[in-house]
């Protein structure tokens, strides 16, 4: 776990990192909260994700997805700009959502994935179900122009 997380604390010097005992490090990581925010842009909904995505975030992500689906948008954009880490349980959440999509489901879009998350999404095959874009705002503008 430490090796995977170390890259997110690269701004700390080696000396400061050395002072983190395993117990303090785990407490520090566990204190990071997961949050999400839903916004609507015309017929598209954006679910902005903040924090680390693991099994603990699953219920909130599924509930947000279900809430947005009830509004029948053309697309649901998951904004990963503020996500630092996603584990296998977090990937499974999105795989479950994508697998349950039907022809009438809104298009699912992942935006602002960091390079590590992009490679994970490609490896597990989620790109068969979702569209990946680099920026939420650019995609919203582009999709608005296509609708006009």
Protein backbone atom coordinates (compact mmCIF):
# COMPACT_ATOMS: atom_id res chain seq x y z
CA UNK A 1 0.00 0.00 0.00
CA UNK A 2 2.77 2.43 0.86
CA UNK A 3 4.50 1.95 -2.49
CA UNK A 4 1.30 2.76 -4.38
CA UNK A 5 0.55 5.83 -2.29
CA UNK A 6 4.09 7.21 -2.14
CA UNK A 7 3.76 8.95 -5.50
CA UNK A 8 0.98 11.16 -4.10
CA UNK A 9 3.24 12.45 -1.34
CA UNK A 10 6.26 13.13 -3.51
CA UNK A 11 6.20 16.78 -2.43
CA UNK A 12 7.36 15.67 1.04
CA UNK A 13 11.06 15.23 1.59
CA UNK A 14 12.46 11.75 2.25
CA UNK A 15 13.20 12.80 5.82
CA UNK A 16 9.61 13.82 6.47
CA UNK A 17 8.29 10.63 4.90
CA UNK A 18 10.64 8.61 7.10
CA UNK A 19 8.91 10.01 10.18
CA UNK A 20 5.59 8.48 9.17
CA UNK A 21 5.27 5.26 11.05
CA UNK A 22 3.04 2.69 9.42
CA UNK A 23 0.25 3.40 11.95
CA UNK A 24 0.43 7.15 11.40
CA UNK A 25 0.56 6.69 7.66
CA UNK A 26 -2.50 4.44 7.62
CA UNK A 27 -4.42 6.88 9.83
CA UNK A 28 -3.39 9.75 7.54
CA UNK A 29 -4.61 7.89 4.45
CA UNK A 30 -7.85 6.74 6.07
CA UNK A 31 -8.66 10.32 7.12
CA UNK A 32 -8.87 11.42 3.50
CA UNK A 33 -12.53 11.85 2.68
CA UNK A 34 -14.35 11.01 -0.50
CA UNK A 35 -16.81 13.56 -1.77
CA UNK A 36 -18.86 14.04 -4.88
CA UNK A 37 -20.89 16.82 -6.40
CA UNK A 38 -23.59 16.58 -9.06
CA UNK A 39 -24.18 19.39 -11.56
CA UNK A 40 -26.40 19.48 -14.61
CA UNK A 41 -25.51 21.12 -17.92
CA UNK A 42 -28.39 21.07 -20.36
CA UNK A 43 -29.11 17.36 -20.91
CA UNK A 44 -25.80 16.19 -19.43
CA UNK A 45 -24.96 15.55 -15.79
CA UNK A 46 -21.50 15.81 -14.25
CA UNK A 47 -20.57 13.84 -11.16
CA UNK A 48 -17.37 15.43 -9.85
CA UNK A 49 -15.40 13.01 -7.68
CA UNK A 50 -12.94 14.20 -5.02
CA UNK A 51 -10.58 12.02 -3.00
CA UNK A 52 -9.68 8.35 -3.16
CA UNK A 53 -12.07 5.83 -4.69
CA UNK A 54 -12.37 2.51 -2.91
CA UNK A 55 -15.18 0.26 -1.74
CA UNK A 56 -16.16 2.89 0.85
CA UNK A 57 -17.12 5.28 -1.97
CA UNK A 58 -19.17 2.68 -3.82
CA UNK A 59 -22.56 3.32 -2.25
CA UNK A 60 -22.29 7.08 -2.75
CA UNK A 61 -21.22 6.69 -6.39
CA UNK A 62 -24.04 4.22 -7.13
CA UNK A 63 -26.61 6.44 -5.38
CA UNK A 64 -25.43 9.50 -7.32
CA UNK A 65 -25.55 7.54 -10.59
CA UNK A 66 -29.09 6.30 -9.85
CA UNK A 67 -30.22 9.81 -8.89
CA UNK A 68 -28.83 11.27 -12.11
CA UNK A 69 -30.32 8.46 -14.23
CA UNK A 70 -33.80 9.27 -12.91
CA UNK A 71 -33.42 12.70 -14.55
CA UNK A 72 -32.79 10.95 -17.92
CA UNK A 73 -29.74 12.88 -19.15
CA UNK A 74 -28.14 12.13 -22.53
CA UNK A 75 -24.78 11.59 -20.83
CA UNK A 76 -23.26 11.20 -17.39
CA UNK A 77 -19.74 12.54 -17.04
CA UNK A 78 -17.62 11.33 -14.14
CA UNK A 79 -15.01 14.01 -13.48
CA UNK A 80 -11.84 12.44 -12.05
CA UNK A 81 -9.80 15.68 -11.92
CA UNK A 82 -9.62 15.59 -8.11
CA UNK A 83 -9.20 11.83 -7.73
CA UNK A 84 -5.74 10.80 -6.61
CA UNK A 85 -6.17 7.06 -6.31
CA UNK A 86 -8.54 4.28 -7.31
CA UNK A 87 -8.15 0.70 -6.13
CA UNK A 88 -9.54 -2.51 -7.63
CA UNK A 89 -12.76 -2.20 -5.62
CA UNK A 90 -13.20 1.32 -6.98
CA UNK A 91 -12.72 0.08 -10.54
CA UNK A 92 -15.27 -2.67 -9.86
CA UNK A 93 -17.86 -0.02 -8.93
CA UNK A 94 -17.60 1.58 -12.36
CA UNK A 95 -17.42 -1.77 -14.12
CA UNK A 96 -20.67 -2.74 -12.40
CA UNK A 97 -22.35 0.50 -13.53
CA UNK A 98 -21.11 0.07 -17.09
CA UNK A 99 -22.09 -3.60 -17.25
CA UNK A 100 -25.66 -2.77 -16.24
CA UNK A 101 -26.09 -0.14 -18.95
CA UNK A 102 -28.85 -0.71 -21.50
CA UNK A 103 -29.63 0.85 -24.87
CA UNK A 104 -31.71 3.51 -23.11
CA UNK A 105 -29.03 4.30 -20.50
CA UNK A 106 -27.24 7.62 -20.78
CA UNK A 107 -23.79 7.63 -22.34
CA UNK A 108 -21.08 7.26 -19.67
CA UNK A 109 -18.02 9.51 -19.97
CA UNK A 110 -14.86 9.57 -17.84
CA UNK A 111 -13.05 12.90 -17.80
CA UNK A 112 -9.67 14.10 -16.53
CA UNK A 113 -8.25 10.70 -15.63
CA UNK A 114 -4.59 10.79 -14.66
CA UNK A 115 -2.28 8.57 -16.79
CA UNK A 116 -2.20 5.76 -14.20
CA UNK A 117 -5.99 5.59 -14.00
CA UNK A 118 -6.26 5.75 -17.81
CA UNK A 119 -4.09 2.68 -18.16
CA UNK A 120 -6.08 0.81 -15.49
CA UNK A 121 -9.37 1.66 -17.23
CA UNK A 122 -7.97 0.41 -20.55
CA UNK A 123 -6.50 -2.78 -19.07
CA UNK A 124 -9.75 -3.86 -17.40
CA UNK A 125 -11.74 -3.18 -20.56
CA UNK A 126 -13.93 -0.32 -19.35
CA UNK A 127 -13.15 1.55 -22.56
CA UNK A 128 -15.61 -0.83 -24.26
CA UNK A 129 -18.39 0.81 -22.22
CA UNK A 130 -17.26 4.39 -21.53
CA UNK A 131 -15.85 7.28 -23.50
CA UNK A 132 -12.70 8.93 -22.08
CA UNK A 133 -12.02 12.65 -22.51
CA UNK A 134 -9.30 14.90 -21.15
CA UNK A 135 -11.46 17.82 -20.01
CA UNK A 136 -15.07 18.13 -18.83
CA UNK A 137 -15.67 21.69 -20.06
CA UNK A 138 -14.24 21.03 -23.52
CA UNK A 139 -16.37 17.90 -23.89
CA UNK A 140 -19.52 19.74 -22.75
CA UNK A 141 -18.92 22.52 -25.30
CA UNK A 142 -18.22 20.01 -28.06
CA UNK A 143 -21.31 17.94 -27.30
CA UNK A 144 -23.46 21.10 -27.16
CA UNK A 145 -22.24 22.11 -30.62
CA UNK A 146 -23.05 18.65 -31.97
CA UNK A 147 -26.62 18.91 -30.64
CA UNK A 148 -27.23 22.30 -32.28
